[in-house]
Structure formats: structure tokens, C-alpha cells
Amino acid sequence: MPRLVHLAPLIVLQLTVPALAAQTTADSGTFVIRRASDTVATEQFTRTETKLEGTLAIRDTKRTNQRYTAVVAPDATLPLIEVTVQEGWDSGGQRARVTQRARVIFKEDSAAVDAVGGDGLQTRVFQTERGAVPYLNLSFALLEQAVRRARATPRNSQVAFFNLGGGQTLTARLLPLAADSVRLDIGNVEYRLRVDSGGRVLGARIPAQDVVAERR
């Protein structure tokens, strides 16, 4: 599968928190991600009971945007996600350049990936785990979906991440710290997440990297 985005190492989420009630209303917001005093990315998203869509804009020299649309199932999984990667901005008569499009369909313990990039169309099927949640680096809306998935399956208490950047299925551990905060360990990187009773991520911090994400 052509590389969509550089991803940090991931792991399967493990929670001991109450089940998440079904979502019935639309939710939207913007995550602003900063390293020290510099904004490195922003993510705008909208979530309903059946759909999650958003745009992750990376503040790099290529002005990379990753637009995604996903189907949300009743068990908080995302059985289908489509991602379009663009470089540059739409301005006047000039449009941003699409560098890749990908569609991932999850079924049982496999993920079928159709990706169109510089090498044309490639179709691959990856082994994964049931209920795997797709992951894009710096996407806190997708990370929030994993939290929701974990809360929707308290007896199992695990959620798999499917790495869109390489097709691996990896694992993470999420430990409650307080009523409004949890700790997420991804490899040797520690994340601190602020969450509300509905499973919404309100903010995040990666202490070792001086990275902070704020929801607006």
C-alpha cells in the first residue's frame, strides 16, 4: 500500500471504563496541534451516529491536507474509510494537487485497501483484527473514535489500530487517571488525554515531545 502519512507506533487500547451510550446527535470541532509555540497541524471534523468526516491540515512545506470520510457502525467501529491526500491550496484558478486516494473496507479480520497514487491503482488485502480502528498520525478525531470503541466494548476492553501508513495492526494501552483524564502509552511515548463523560477528547498532551492538542 502506498504510504499515506508517517505514523507513530501504535498499540491496542485497553480500558476499564463504563460502556459508551449510543451517539444520537451530531458533534463537530477543531483540534489545534502545537509543538512548543508553533502550530504543526489543525483538524476539523464532524461526527454523527453514522458518519465521521474531517480534514487534517499539516503545516509542512507541501501544505498537505488529508481529507477523510468514514462510516460509523453501531458498535463504534469504522467499517469503511476513504482518504484523499492533497498538496497545496485551492486558490483562484489553481487547485490543490491530489497525490493519493485510498479506500479501506474492513470485514471480519481483514482490511481491503484500494489506493491510487503515483504508481497507479494498487489493491491489497491485509490481515487485521475484528473492530480495528484506522489511524492517521495527528488525527485526534480518529483517536477519539478508538476511545469510543473501547468504551463500547468494556468486556473485551481492547481495540485494534490499523495503521493506514503501512497496513500493520498494532496495539496501545489506555489507563484511566481521573474522571476526566486518561493516559495512552504508544510504544515509549506517553499521551495524556482530557475526556468528558461522553468519550469526547477535549485536549491532549505528549510531554516528551512538547506537543499539545486543544479542541475548539
Protein backbone atom coordinates (compact mmCIF):
# COMPACT_ATOMS: atom_id res chain seq x y z
CA MET A 1 0.00 0.00 0.00
CA PRO A 2 1.47 3.41 -0.91
CA ARG A 3 2.31 5.42 2.17
CA LEU A 4 -0.44 7.82 3.21
CA VAL A 5 1.30 9.51 6.12
CA HIS A 6 4.09 8.93 8.61
CA LEU A 7 2.59 7.29 11.69
CA ALA A 8 3.87 6.92 15.21
CA PRO A 9 4.00 3.33 16.53
CA LEU A 10 0.59 2.18 17.69
CA ILE A 11 -0.81 -0.41 20.05
CA VAL A 12 -4.41 -1.96 21.06
CA LEU A 13 -6.40 0.22 23.52
CA GLN A 14 -7.22 -1.32 26.89
CA LEU A 15 -9.82 0.32 29.12
CA THR A 16 -11.69 -0.33 32.35
CA VAL A 17 -14.37 2.32 31.97
CA PRO A 18 -18.17 2.24 31.56
CA ALA A 19 -19.72 1.47 28.18
CA LEU A 20 -20.39 4.42 25.90
CA ALA A 21 -24.03 5.27 25.30
CA ALA A 22 -25.12 5.39 21.67
CA GLN A 23 -24.43 8.70 19.99
CA THR A 24 -27.58 10.31 18.62
CA THR A 25 -26.58 13.91 17.90
CA ALA A 26 -24.06 15.49 15.58
CA ASP A 27 -20.77 16.70 17.02
CA SER A 28 -18.09 18.83 15.42
CA GLY A 29 -14.93 20.66 16.36
CA THR A 30 -11.37 21.61 15.54
CA PHE A 31 -8.18 20.27 17.06
CA VAL A 32 -5.21 22.65 17.02
CA ILE A 33 -1.93 20.76 17.44
CA ARG A 34 1.14 22.66 18.59
CA ARG A 35 4.75 21.82 19.27
CA ALA A 36 6.07 24.39 21.73
CA SER A 37 4.63 27.67 20.40
CA ASP A 38 4.35 26.53 16.75
CA THR A 39 1.13 25.16 15.23
CA VAL A 40 2.04 21.98 13.33
CA ALA A 41 -1.45 20.86 12.26
CA THR A 42 -5.17 21.52 12.54
CA GLU A 43 -8.01 19.04 12.20
CA GLN A 44 -11.62 19.98 11.51
CA PHE A 45 -14.18 17.19 11.86
CA THR A 46 -17.87 16.36 12.08
CA ARG A 47 -19.25 13.21 13.68
CA THR A 48 -22.78 11.82 13.57
CA GLU A 49 -24.25 8.49 14.59
CA THR A 50 -23.35 7.01 11.19
CA LYS A 51 -20.56 9.16 9.73
CA LEU A 52 -17.21 10.73 10.63
CA GLU A 53 -15.51 13.14 8.26
CA GLY A 54 -12.75 15.68 8.59
CA THR A 55 -9.71 17.41 7.17
CA LEU A 56 -6.27 17.17 8.74
CA ALA A 57 -4.09 20.05 7.53
CA ILE A 58 -0.36 19.62 8.13
CA ARG A 59 1.76 22.77 8.39
CA ASP A 60 4.59 21.49 6.19
CA THR A 61 6.30 22.93 3.13
CA LYS A 62 3.95 20.99 0.83
CA ARG A 63 0.82 22.22 2.69
CA THR A 64 -0.51 18.68 2.93
CA ASN A 65 -4.22 18.11 3.55
CA GLN A 66 -5.72 14.72 4.33
CA ARG A 67 -9.48 14.56 3.89
CA TYR A 68 -11.28 11.52 5.21
CA THR A 69 -14.82 10.18 5.30
CA ALA A 70 -15.73 7.12 7.36
CA VAL A 71 -18.84 5.09 8.04
CA VAL A 72 -19.59 4.69 11.76
CA ALA A 73 -21.20 1.40 12.80
CA PRO A 74 -23.42 0.91 15.90
CA ASP A 75 -20.51 -0.75 17.75
CA ALA A 76 -18.31 2.38 17.18
CA THR A 77 -16.17 0.68 14.54
CA LEU A 78 -15.41 2.27 11.17
CA PRO A 79 -16.08 -0.45 8.56
CA LEU A 80 -15.16 1.87 5.66
CA ILE A 81 -12.91 4.91 5.36
CA GLU A 82 -11.84 6.94 2.33
CA VAL A 83 -8.82 9.25 2.45
CA THR A 84 -7.71 11.85 -0.11
CA VAL A 85 -4.25 13.39 0.25
CA GLN A 86 -3.67 16.80 -1.35
CA GLU A 87 -0.74 19.19 -1.57
CA GLY A 88 -1.18 22.95 -1.85
CA TRP A 89 -4.36 25.01 -1.57
CA ASP A 90 -7.23 25.84 -3.88
CA SER A 91 -6.53 29.44 -4.92
CA GLY A 92 -8.08 31.30 -7.82
CA GLY A 93 -7.84 29.11 -10.90
CA GLN A 94 -5.28 26.81 -9.29
CA ARG A 95 -6.42 23.71 -7.42
CA ALA A 96 -4.60 21.64 -4.85
CA ARG A 97 -2.81 18.62 -6.32
CA VAL A 98 -4.23 15.23 -5.34
CA THR A 99 -1.32 12.90 -4.60
CA GLN A 100 -3.24 9.88 -3.38
CA ARG A 101 -6.68 8.45 -2.83
CA ALA A 102 -7.36 5.36 -0.75
CA ARG A 103 -10.36 3.37 0.36
CA VAL A 104 -10.20 0.80 3.16
CA ILE A 105 -13.00 -1.71 3.79
CA PHE A 106 -12.89 -3.73 7.00
CA LYS A 107 -14.60 -7.12 7.10
CA GLU A 108 -14.15 -9.71 9.82
CA ASP A 109 -10.36 -9.92 10.39
CA SER A 110 -9.19 -8.37 7.10
CA ALA A 111 -8.81 -4.92 5.54
CA ALA A 112 -9.08 -4.48 1.77
CA VAL A 113 -7.20 -1.40 0.57
CA ASP A 114 -7.63 0.26 -2.83
CA ALA A 115 -5.03 3.02 -3.24
CA VAL A 116 -4.43 5.30 -6.23
CA GLY A 117 -1.11 7.16 -6.28
CA GLY A 118 1.91 7.76 -8.47
CA ASP A 119 2.15 4.04 -9.26
CA GLY A 120 -1.47 3.78 -10.35
CA LEU A 121 -4.11 1.63 -8.66
CA GLN A 122 -2.96 -0.90 -6.10
CA THR A 123 -5.27 -3.29 -4.29
CA ARG A 124 -4.11 -5.24 -1.27
CA VAL A 125 -5.74 -7.24 1.50
CA PHE A 126 -4.19 -7.08 4.98
CA GLN A 127 -4.71 -9.34 7.94
CA THR A 128 -6.04 -7.36 10.90
CA GLU A 129 -8.30 -7.81 13.93
CA ARG A 130 -12.06 -7.53 14.26
CA GLY A 131 -13.09 -4.00 15.11
CA ALA A 132 -9.77 -2.41 14.12
CA VAL A 133 -9.94 1.40 14.01
CA PRO A 134 -8.00 3.18 11.23
CA TYR A 135 -5.33 5.61 12.39
CA LEU A 136 -3.71 8.68 10.85
CA ASN A 137 -0.85 10.38 12.63
CA LEU A 138 -2.02 13.58 14.39
CA SER A 139 -5.70 12.75 13.84
CA PHE A 140 -7.29 13.18 17.26
CA ALA A 141 -10.78 12.65 15.85
CA LEU A 142 -9.82 9.10 14.87
CA LEU A 143 -8.10 8.66 18.23
CA GLU A 144 -11.36 9.73 19.86
CA GLN A 145 -13.15 7.07 17.83
CA ALA A 146 -10.83 4.46 19.33
CA VAL A 147 -11.74 5.70 22.82
CA ARG A 148 -15.42 5.40 21.90
CA ARG A 149 -14.84 1.91 20.53
CA ALA A 150 -13.11 0.84 23.73
CA ARG A 151 -15.97 2.19 25.83
CA ALA A 152 -18.49 0.39 23.63
CA THR A 153 -16.84 -2.99 24.32
CA PRO A 154 -15.97 -2.98 28.05
CA ARG A 155 -15.96 -6.76 28.39
CA ASN A 156 -13.39 -7.14 25.66
CA SER A 157 -11.62 -3.90 26.73
CA GLN A 158 -9.41 -3.89 23.62
CA VAL A 159 -9.48 -2.00 20.34
CA ALA A 160 -7.05 -2.58 17.48
CA PHE A 161 -5.48 0.20 15.42
CA PHE A 162 -4.99 -0.40 11.68
CA ASN A 163 -2.05 1.69 10.52
CA LEU A 164 -3.05 3.43 7.28
CA GLY A 165 0.60 4.24 6.66
CA GLY A 166 1.73 0.65 6.28
CA GLY A 167 -1.08 -1.82 6.92
CA GLN A 168 0.11 -3.07 10.29
CA THR A 169 -2.29 -3.82 13.12
CA LEU A 170 -0.75 -2.52 16.32
CA THR A 171 -1.76 -2.12 19.95
CA ALA A 172 -1.94 0.55 22.66
CA ARG A 173 -2.83 0.78 26.35
CA LEU A 174 -5.20 3.36 27.74
CA LEU A 175 -5.35 3.74 31.53
CA PRO A 176 -7.81 5.94 33.43
CA LEU A 177 -6.08 8.59 35.54
CA ALA A 178 -9.11 10.50 36.84
CA ALA A 179 -12.75 11.09 35.98
CA ASP A 180 -11.73 13.47 33.17
CA SER A 181 -8.34 12.16 32.04
CA VAL A 182 -6.62 9.05 30.72
CA ARG A 183 -3.08 8.04 29.86
CA LEU A 184 -2.32 6.49 26.48
CA ASP A 185 1.04 4.74 26.02
CA ILE A 186 2.08 4.24 22.39
CA GLY A 187 5.38 2.45 22.42
CA ASN A 188 7.59 4.54 24.70
CA VAL A 189 5.59 7.72 24.05
CA GLU A 190 3.12 8.83 26.71
CA TYR A 191 -0.06 10.72 25.83
CA ARG A 192 -2.29 12.47 28.37
CA LEU A 193 -5.88 12.87 27.17
CA ARG A 194 -8.64 15.00 28.66
CA VAL A 195 -12.03 13.38 28.04
CA ASP A 196 -15.62 14.01 29.01
CA SER A 197 -18.27 11.53 30.14
CA GLY A 198 -19.39 11.01 26.54
CA GLY A 199 -15.95 9.89 25.34
CA ARG A 200 -15.08 13.17 23.60
CA VAL A 201 -11.39 14.08 23.60
CA LEU A 202 -11.16 17.68 24.81
CA GLY A 203 -7.39 18.01 24.65
CA ALA A 204 -4.15 16.06 24.69
CA ARG A 205 -0.52 16.40 25.67
CA ILE A 206 2.63 14.49 24.69
CA PRO A 207 5.05 15.64 27.42
CA ALA A 208 8.25 14.20 25.96
CA GLN A 209 7.68 15.92 22.60
CA ASP A 210 6.29 19.21 23.94
CA VAL A 211 3.18 18.65 21.81
CA VAL A 212 -0.27 19.88 22.87
CA ALA A 213 -3.64 19.41 21.13
CA GLU A 214 -6.57 21.68 22.03
CA ARG A 215 -10.15 21.17 20.97
CA ARG A 216 -12.14 24.22 19.91
